[in-house]
PDB file of N, CA and C in Angstrom:
ATOM      1  N   MET A   1     -61.431 258.663 223.034  1.00  0.00           N
ATOM      2  CA  MET A   1     -60.766 258.936 224.305  1.00  0.00           C
ATOM      3  C   MET A   1     -59.254 258.880 224.086  1.00  0.00           C
ATOM      4  N   GLU A   2     -58.605 259.941 224.434  1.00  0.00           N
ATOM      5  CA  GLU A   2     -57.156 260.009 224.281  1.00  0.00           C
ATOM      6  C   GLU A   2     -56.480 259.820 225.631  1.00  0.00           C
ATOM      7  N   ILE A   3     -55.380 259.096 225.586  1.00  0.00           N
ATOM      8  CA  ILE A   3     -54.597 258.849 226.795  1.00  0.00           C
ATOM      9  C   ILE A   3     -53.280 259.595 226.644  1.00  0.00           C
ATOM     10  N   THR A   4     -52.937 260.363 227.655  1.00  0.00           N
ATOM     11  CA  THR A   4     -51.670 261.090 227.612  1.00  0.00           C
ATOM     12  C   THR A   4     -50.528 260.116 227.854  1.00  0.00           C
ATOM     13  N   SER A   5     -49.331 260.531 227.488  1.00  0.00           N
ATOM     14  CA  SER A   5     -48.166 259.666 227.689  1.00  0.00           C
ATOM     15  C   SER A   5     -47.940 259.400 229.174  1.00  0.00           C
ATOM     16  N   SER A   6     -48.235 260.372 230.010  1.00  0.00           N
ATOM     17  CA  SER A   6     -48.096 260.201 231.462  1.00  0.00           C
ATOM     18  C   SER A   6     -49.068 259.143 231.982  1.00  0.00           C
ATOM     19  N   GLU A   7     -50.320 259.199 231.508  1.00  0.00           N
ATOM     20  CA  GLU A   7     -51.318 258.203 231.915  1.00  0.00           C
ATOM     21  C   GLU A   7     -50.931 256.811 231.428  1.00  0.00           C
ATOM     22  N   LEU A   8     -50.427 256.743 230.192  1.00  0.00           N
ATOM     23  CA  LEU A   8     -50.005 255.463 229.632  1.00  0.00           C
ATOM     24  C   LEU A   8     -48.854 254.871 230.438  1.00  0.00           C
ATOM     25  N   LYS A   9     -47.906 255.706 230.825  1.00  0.00           N
ATOM     26  CA  LYS A   9     -46.789 255.246 231.650  1.00  0.00           C
ATOM     27  C   LYS A   9     -47.295 254.680 232.973  1.00  0.00           C
ATOM     28  N   ASN A  10     -48.253 255.369 233.591  1.00  0.00           N
ATOM     29  CA  ASN A  10     -48.815 254.902 234.864  1.00  0.00           C
ATOM     30  C   ASN A  10     -49.547 253.575 234.693  1.00  0.00           C
ATOM     31  N   ILE A  11     -50.301 253.429 233.615  1.00  0.00           N
ATOM     32  CA  ILE A  11     -51.023 252.185 233.350  1.00  0.00           C
ATOM     33  C   ILE A  11     -50.044 251.031 233.180  1.00  0.00           C
ATOM     34  N   ILE A  12     -48.995 251.253 232.414  1.00  0.00           N
ATOM     35  CA  ILE A  12     -47.986 250.214 232.183  1.00  0.00           C
ATOM     36  C   ILE A  12     -47.265 249.874 233.480  1.00  0.00           C
ATOM     37  N   LYS A  13     -46.904 250.906 234.240  1.00  0.00           N
ATOM     38  CA  LYS A  13     -46.210 250.704 235.520  1.00  0.00           C
ATOM     39  C   LYS A  13     -47.061 249.868 236.476  1.00  0.00           C
ATOM     40  N   GLU A  14     -48.368 250.175 236.587  1.00  0.00           N
ATOM     41  CA  GLU A  14     -49.272 249.434 237.465  1.00  0.00           C
ATOM     42  C   GLU A  14     -49.435 247.991 236.990  1.00  0.00           C
ATOM     43  N   SER A  15     -49.508 247.799 235.687  1.00  0.00           N
ATOM     44  CA  SER A  15     -49.658 246.451 235.136  1.00  0.00           C
ATOM     45  C   SER A  15     -48.431 245.594 235.439  1.00  0.00           C
ATOM     46  N   ILE A  16     -47.255 246.180 235.270  1.00  0.00           N
ATOM     47  CA  ILE A  16     -46.017 245.452 235.558  1.00  0.00           C
ATOM     48  C   ILE A  16     -45.934 245.129 237.038  1.00  0.00           C
ATOM     49  N   GLN A  17     -46.276 246.089 237.878  1.00  0.00           N
ATOM     50  CA  GLN A  17     -46.225 245.887 239.329  1.00  0.00           C
ATOM     51  C   GLN A  17     -47.177 244.773 239.749  1.00  0.00           C
ATOM     52  N   GLU A  18     -48.393 244.741 239.200  1.00  0.00           N
ATOM     53  CA  GLU A  18     -49.369 243.701 239.525  1.00  0.00           C
ATOM     54  C   GLU A  18     -48.880 242.325 239.109  1.00  0.00           C
ATOM     55  N   SER A  19     -48.158 242.247 237.987  1.00  0.00           N
ATOM     56  CA  SER A  19     -47.699 240.945 237.504  1.00  0.00           C
ATOM     57  C   SER A  19     -46.603 240.362 238.397  1.00  0.00           C
ATOM     58  N   TYR A  20     -45.909 241.203 239.142  1.00  0.00           N
ATOM     59  CA  TYR A  20     -44.854 240.730 240.027  1.00  0.00           C
ATOM     60  C   TYR A  20     -45.338 240.396 241.436  1.00  0.00           C
ATOM     61  N   GLU A  21     -46.559 240.806 241.762  1.00  0.00           N
ATOM     62  CA  GLU A  21     -47.083 240.539 243.094  1.00  0.00           C
ATOM     63  C   GLU A  21     -47.358 239.053 243.248  1.00  0.00           C
ATOM     64  N   LYS A  22     -46.934 238.504 244.370  1.00  0.00           N
ATOM     65  CA  LYS A  22     -47.176 237.090 244.651  1.00  0.00           C
ATOM     66  C   LYS A  22     -48.585 236.918 245.204  1.00  0.00           C
ATOM     67  N   PRO A  23     -49.225 235.802 244.852  1.00  0.00           N
ATOM     68  CA  PRO A  23     -50.555 235.562 245.427  1.00  0.00           C
ATOM     69  C   PRO A  23     -50.433 235.288 246.929  1.00  0.00           C
ATOM     70  N   LYS A  24     -51.500 235.576 247.639  1.00  0.00           N
ATOM     71  CA  LYS A  24     -51.508 235.333 249.086  1.00  0.00           C
ATOM     72  C   LYS A  24     -51.326 233.837 249.355  1.00  0.00           C
ATOM     73  N   ALA A  25     -50.720 233.515 250.465  1.00  0.00           N
ATOM     74  CA  ALA A  25     -50.503 232.126 250.839  1.00  0.00           C
ATOM     75  C   ALA A  25     -51.783 231.466 251.329  1.00  0.00           C
ATOM     76  N   THR A  26     -52.727 232.280 251.796  1.00  0.00           N
ATOM     77  CA  THR A  26     -53.979 231.738 252.312  1.00  0.00           C
ATOM     78  C   THR A  26     -55.173 232.370 251.613  1.00  0.00           C
ATOM     79  N   LEU A  27     -56.290 231.663 251.690  1.00  0.00           N
ATOM     80  CA  LEU A  27     -57.541 232.137 251.116  1.00  0.00           C
ATOM     81  C   LEU A  27     -58.613 232.129 252.192  1.00  0.00           C
ATOM     82  N   THR A  28     -59.553 233.035 252.085  1.00  0.00           N
ATOM     83  CA  THR A  28     -60.734 232.985 252.948  1.00  0.00           C
ATOM     84  C   THR A  28     -61.702 231.955 252.345  1.00  0.00           C
ATOM     85  N   ILE A  29     -62.732 231.624 253.082  1.00  0.00           N
ATOM     86  CA  ILE A  29     -63.741 230.692 252.565  1.00  0.00           C
ATOM     87  C   ILE A  29     -64.353 231.250 251.278  1.00  0.00           C
ATOM     88  N   ALA A  30     -64.656 232.535 251.247  1.00  0.00           N
ATOM     89  CA  ALA A  30     -65.265 233.153 250.060  1.00  0.00           C
ATOM     90  C   ALA A  30     -64.314 233.094 248.860  1.00  0.00           C
ATOM     91  N   GLU A  31     -63.034 233.398 249.086  1.00  0.00           N
ATOM     92  CA  GLU A  31     -62.052 233.333 248.000  1.00  0.00           C
ATOM     93  C   GLU A  31     -61.881 231.907 247.504  1.00  0.00           C
ATOM     94  N   CYS A  32     -61.887 230.959 248.428  1.00  0.00           N
ATOM     95  CA  CYS A  32     -61.768 229.549 248.073  1.00  0.00           C
ATOM     96  C   CYS A  32     -62.968 229.101 247.242  1.00  0.00           C
ATOM     97  N   ALA A  33     -64.146 229.538 247.626  1.00  0.00           N
ATOM     98  CA  ALA A  33     -65.357 229.199 246.882  1.00  0.00           C
ATOM     99  C   ALA A  33     -65.280 229.759 245.463  1.00  0.00           C
ATOM    100  N   ASN A  34     -64.815 230.987 245.337  1.00  0.00           N
ATOM    101  CA  ASN A  34     -64.649 231.610 244.024  1.00  0.00           C
ATOM    102  C   ASN A  34     -63.642 230.855 243.169  1.00  0.00           C
ATOM    103  N   LEU A  35     -62.527 230.488 243.767  1.00  0.00           N
ATOM    104  CA  LEU A  35     -61.446 229.825 243.046  1.00  0.00           C
ATOM    105  C   LEU A  35     -61.811 228.406 242.626  1.00  0.00           C
ATOM    106  N   THR A  36     -62.458 227.665 243.512  1.00  0.00           N
ATOM    107  CA  THR A  36     -62.699 226.243 243.261  1.00  0.00           C
ATOM    108  C   THR A  36     -64.063 225.932 242.662  1.00  0.00           C
ATOM    109  N   GLY A  37     -65.030 226.805 242.895  1.00  0.00           N
ATOM    110  CA  GLY A  37     -66.386 226.515 242.452  1.00  0.00           C
ATOM    111  C   GLY A  37     -67.156 225.655 243.439  1.00  0.00           C
ATOM    112  N   ILE A  38     -66.523 225.325 244.554  1.00  0.00           N
ATOM    113  CA  ILE A  38     -67.192 224.577 245.615  1.00  0.00           C
ATOM    114  C   ILE A  38     -67.992 225.597 246.435  1.00  0.00           C
ATOM    115  N   GLY A  39     -69.206 225.259 246.784  1.00  0.00           N
ATOM    116  CA  GLY A  39     -70.067 226.187 247.507  1.00  0.00           C
ATOM    117  C   GLY A  39     -69.543 226.561 248.883  1.00  0.00           C
ATOM    118  N   ARG A  40     -69.880 227.767 249.299  1.00  0.00           N
ATOM    119  CA  ARG A  40     -69.453 228.267 250.604  1.00  0.00           C
ATOM    120  C   ARG A  40     -69.930 227.373 251.738  1.00  0.00           C
ATOM    121  N   ASP A  41     -71.182 226.925 251.679  1.00  0.00           N
ATOM    122  CA  ASP A  41     -71.714 226.072 252.743  1.00  0.00           C
ATOM    123  C   ASP A  41     -70.946 224.757 252.839  1.00  0.00           C
ATOM    124  N   LYS A  42     -70.609 224.165 251.689  1.00  0.00           N
ATOM    125  CA  LYS A  42     -69.848 222.911 251.679  1.00  0.00           C
ATOM    126  C   LYS A  42     -68.451 223.142 252.254  1.00  0.00           C
ATOM    127  N   LEU A  43     -67.828 224.256 251.886  1.00  0.00           N
ATOM    128  CA  LEU A  43     -66.492 224.564 252.416  1.00  0.00           C
ATOM    129  C   LEU A  43     -66.539 224.774 253.927  1.00  0.00           C
ATOM    130  N   MET A  44     -67.585 225.446 254.409  1.00  0.00           N
ATOM    131  CA  MET A  44     -67.725 225.649 255.854  1.00  0.00           C
ATOM    132  C   MET A  44     -67.906 224.311 256.564  1.00  0.00           C
ATOM    133  N   LYS A  45     -68.691 223.415 255.963  1.00  0.00           N
ATOM    134  CA  LYS A  45     -68.897 222.093 256.548  1.00  0.00           C
ATOM    135  C   LYS A  45     -67.575 221.324 256.613  1.00  0.00           C
ATOM    136  N   LEU A  46     -66.787 221.394 255.544  1.00  0.00           N
ATOM    137  CA  LEU A  46     -65.475 220.733 255.527  1.00  0.00           C
ATOM    138  C   LEU A  46     -64.546 221.346 256.572  1.00  0.00           C
ATOM    139  N   ALA A  47     -64.580 222.660 256.688  1.00  0.00           N
ATOM    140  CA  ALA A  47     -63.710 223.355 257.639  1.00  0.00           C
ATOM    141  C   ALA A  47     -64.057 223.011 259.091  1.00  0.00           C
ATOM    142  N   HIS A  48     -65.338 222.871 259.371  1.00  0.00           N
ATOM    143  CA  HIS A  48     -65.770 222.574 260.740  1.00  0.00           C
ATOM    144  C   HIS A  48     -65.621 221.100 261.109  1.00  0.00           C
ATOM    145  N   SER A  49     -65.467 220.237 260.126  1.00  0.00           N
ATOM    146  CA  SER A  49     -65.381 218.803 260.381  1.00  0.00           C
ATOM    147  C   SER A  49     -64.027 218.427 260.983  1.00  0.00           C
ATOM    148  N   ASN A  50     -64.059 217.676 262.066  1.00  0.00           N
ATOM    149  CA  ASN A  50     -62.820 217.208 262.697  1.00  0.00           C
ATOM    150  C   ASN A  50     -62.174 216.075 261.912  1.00  0.00           C
ATOM    151  N   ASN A  51     -62.962 215.355 261.121  1.00  0.00           N
ATOM    152  CA  ASN A  51     -62.458 214.202 260.373  1.00  0.00           C
ATOM    153  C   ASN A  51     -61.985 214.562 258.974  1.00  0.00           C
ATOM    154  N   SER A  52     -62.127 215.797 258.582  1.00  0.00           N
ATOM    155  CA  SER A  52     -61.806 216.221 257.224  1.00  0.00           C
ATOM    156  C   SER A  52     -60.311 216.448 257.049  1.00  0.00           C
ATOM    157  N   ASP A  53     -59.824 216.172 255.845  1.00  0.00           N
ATOM    158  CA  ASP A  53     -58.435 216.476 255.519  1.00  0.00           C
ATOM    159  C   ASP A  53     -58.328 217.804 254.763  1.00  0.00           C
ATOM    160  N   PHE A  54     -59.393 218.594 254.831  1.00  0.00           N
ATOM    161  CA  PHE A  54     -59.433 219.897 254.171  1.00  0.00           C
ATOM    162  C   PHE A  54     -58.363 220.798 254.787  1.00  0.00           C
ATOM    163  N   PRO A  55     -57.509 221.432 253.954  1.00  0.00           N
ATOM    164  CA  PRO A  55     -56.337 222.174 254.462  1.00  0.00           C
ATOM    165  C   PRO A  55     -56.650 223.574 254.988  1.00  0.00           C
ATOM    166  N   CYS A  56     -57.307 223.633 256.131  1.00  0.00           N
ATOM    167  CA  CYS A  56     -57.666 224.932 256.696  1.00  0.00           C
ATOM    168  C   CYS A  56     -57.227 225.024 258.147  1.00  0.00           C
ATOM    169  N   PHE A  57     -57.249 226.236 258.658  1.00  0.00           N
ATOM    170  CA  PHE A  57     -56.969 226.504 260.071  1.00  0.00           C
ATOM    171  C   PHE A  57     -57.733 227.753 260.460  1.00  0.00           C
ATOM    172  N   LYS A  58     -57.847 227.974 261.742  1.00  0.00           N
ATOM    173  CA  LYS A  58     -58.604 229.125 262.240  1.00  0.00           C
ATOM    174  C   LYS A  58     -57.667 230.202 262.765  1.00  0.00           C
ATOM    175  N   VAL A  59     -58.047 231.434 262.496  1.00  0.00           N
ATOM    176  CA  VAL A  59     -57.413 232.595 263.100  1.00  0.00           C
ATOM    177  C   VAL A  59     -58.557 233.342 263.763  1.00  0.00           C
ATOM    178  N   GLY A  60     -58.645 233.204 265.068  1.00  0.00           N
ATOM    179  CA  GLY A  60     -59.799 233.734 265.794  1.00  0.00           C
ATOM    180  C   GLY A  60     -61.027 232.936 265.396  1.00  0.00           C
ATOM    181  N   THR A  61     -61.997 233.592 264.806  1.00  0.00           N
ATOM    182  CA  THR A  61     -63.209 232.895 264.366  1.00  0.00           C
ATOM    183  C   THR A  61     -63.214 232.668 262.859  1.00  0.00           C
ATOM    184  N   LYS A  62     -62.169 233.111 262.190  1.00  0.00           N
ATOM    185  CA  LYS A  62     -62.104 233.063 260.731  1.00  0.00           C
ATOM    186  C   LYS A  62     -61.294 231.859 260.248  1.00  0.00           C
ATOM    187  N   PHE A  63     -61.836 231.136 259.276  1.00  0.00           N
ATOM    188  CA  PHE A  63     -61.112 230.036 258.662  1.00  0.00           C
ATOM    189  C   PHE A  63     -60.263 230.556 257.519  1.00  0.00           C
ATOM    190  N   LEU A  64     -59.032 230.066 257.430  1.00  0.00           N
ATOM    191  CA  LEU A  64     -58.156 230.348 256.307  1.00  0.00           C
ATOM    192  C   LEU A  64     -57.723 229.022 255.689  1.00  0.00           C
ATOM    193  N   ILE A  65     -57.557 229.022 254.373  1.00  0.00           N
ATOM    194  CA  ILE A  65     -57.185 227.816 253.644  1.00  0.00           C
ATOM    195  C   ILE A  65     -55.805 228.034 253.040  1.00  0.00           C
ATOM    196  N   ASN A  66     -54.921 227.081 253.253  1.00  0.00           N
ATOM    197  CA  ASN A  66     -53.581 227.132 252.688  1.00  0.00           C
ATOM    198  C   ASN A  66     -53.682 226.910 251.182  1.00  0.00           C
ATOM    199  N   ARG A  67     -53.254 227.879 250.384  1.00  0.00           N
ATOM    200  CA  ARG A  67     -53.407 227.830 248.930  1.00  0.00           C
ATOM    201  C   ARG A  67     -52.668 226.641 248.302  1.00  0.00           C
ATOM    202  N   LYS A  68     -51.417 226.409 248.700  1.00  0.00           N
ATOM    203  CA  LYS A  68     -50.639 225.297 248.125  1.00  0.00           C
ATOM    204  C   LYS A  68     -51.247 223.949 248.503  1.00  0.00           C
ATOM    205  N   LEU A  69     -51.615 223.808 249.774  1.00  0.00           N
ATOM    206  CA  LEU A  69     -52.205 222.541 250.210  1.00  0.00           C
ATOM    207  C   LEU A  69     -53.580 222.321 249.592  1.00  0.00           C
ATOM    208  N   LEU A  70     -54.291 223.408 249.286  1.00  0.00           N
ATOM    209  CA  LEU A  70     -55.588 223.291 248.626  1.00  0.00           C
ATOM    210  C   LEU A  70     -55.424 222.642 247.254  1.00  0.00           C
ATOM    211  N   SER A  71     -54.416 223.056 246.513  1.00  0.00           N
ATOM    212  CA  SER A  71     -54.157 222.460 245.197  1.00  0.00           C
ATOM    213  C   SER A  71     -53.872 220.976 245.315  1.00  0.00           C
ATOM    214  N   ILE A  72     -53.070 220.609 246.305  1.00  0.00           N
ATOM    215  CA  ILE A  72     -52.750 219.192 246.528  1.00  0.00           C
ATOM    216  C   ILE A  72     -54.008 218.430 246.925  1.00  0.00           C
ATOM    217  N   TRP A  73     -54.805 219.018 247.799  1.00  0.00           N
ATOM    218  CA  TRP A  73     -56.047 218.391 248.260  1.00  0.00           C
ATOM    219  C   TRP A  73     -57.016 218.188 247.100  1.00  0.00           C
ATOM    220  N   LEU A  74     -57.156 219.192 246.249  1.00  0.00           N
ATOM    221  CA  LEU A  74     -58.056 219.080 245.093  1.00  0.00           C
ATOM    222  C   LEU A  74     -57.599 217.962 244.155  1.00  0.00           C
ATOM    223  N   LYS A  75     -56.298 217.867 243.946  1.00  0.00           N
ATOM    224  CA  LYS A  75     -55.764 216.797 243.099  1.00  0.00           C
ATOM    225  C   LYS A  75     -56.069 215.428 243.717  1.00  0.00           C
ATOM    226  N   LYS A  76     -55.866 215.336 245.035  1.00  0.00           N
ATOM    227  CA  LYS A  76     -56.097 214.077 245.743  1.00  0.00           C
ATOM    228  C   LYS A  76     -57.564 213.647 245.667  1.00  0.00           C
ATOM    229  N   ILE A  77     -58.487 214.563 245.941  1.00  0.00           N
ATOM    230  CA  ILE A  77     -59.894 214.167 245.934  1.00  0.00           C
ATOM    231  C   ILE A  77     -60.369 213.870 244.512  1.00  0.00           C
ATOM    232  N   SER A  78     -59.743 214.507 243.531  1.00  0.00           N
ATOM    233  CA  SER A  78     -60.080 214.218 242.138  1.00  0.00           C
ATOM    234  C   SER A  78     -59.619 212.823 241.760  1.00  0.00           C
ATOM    235  N   GLN A  79     -58.392 212.467 242.155  1.00  0.00           N
ATOM    236  CA  GLN A  79     -57.860 211.145 241.845  1.00  0.00           C
ATOM    237  C   GLN A  79     -58.647 210.044 242.540  1.00  0.00           C
ATOM    238  N   GLU A  80     -59.112 210.330 243.759  1.00  0.00           N
ATOM    239  CA  GLU A  80     -59.903 209.361 244.511  1.00  0.00           C
ATOM    240  C   GLU A  80     -61.363 209.337 244.057  1.00  0.00           C
ATOM    241  N   LYS A  81     -61.740 210.288 243.201  1.00  0.00           N
ATOM    242  CA  LYS A  81     -63.119 210.435 242.750  1.00  0.00           C
ATOM    243  C   LYS A  81     -64.076 210.528 243.938  1.00  0.00           C
ATOM    244  N   ARG A  82     -63.628 211.289 244.934  1.00  0.00           N
ATOM    245  CA  ARG A  82     -64.366 211.436 246.176  1.00  0.00           C
ATOM    246  C   ARG A  82     -65.614 212.290 245.981  1.00  0.00           C
ATOM    247  N   ILE A  83     -66.664 211.940 246.660  1.00  0.00           N
ATOM    248  CA  ILE A  83     -67.882 212.738 246.674  1.00  0.00           C
ATOM    249  C   ILE A  83     -67.852 213.576 247.955  1.00  0.00           C
ATOM    250  N   LEU A  84     -67.976 214.870 247.795  1.00  0.00           N
ATOM    251  CA  LEU A  84     -67.949 215.756 248.963  1.00  0.00           C
ATOM    252  C   LEU A  84     -69.341 215.955 249.515  1.00  0.00           C
TER     253      LEU A  84
END
């Protein structure tokens, strides 16, 4: 398979552009599950709990998780050796 110089330029341009894109500030429950390895059902339970310190909020009926606070929360529960 041969790649033309024009195609190669486009591939490089897209790769550079992707590397400069900032990650989203929030994650959906599904994205959070993918990122953390914590099950979707467990994340939903944490999100719905009034006593939880899980860093989420609702937009309409959808839960969103703050990405920066999620990292802090994961570090905290790891240090506390908390069982979820």
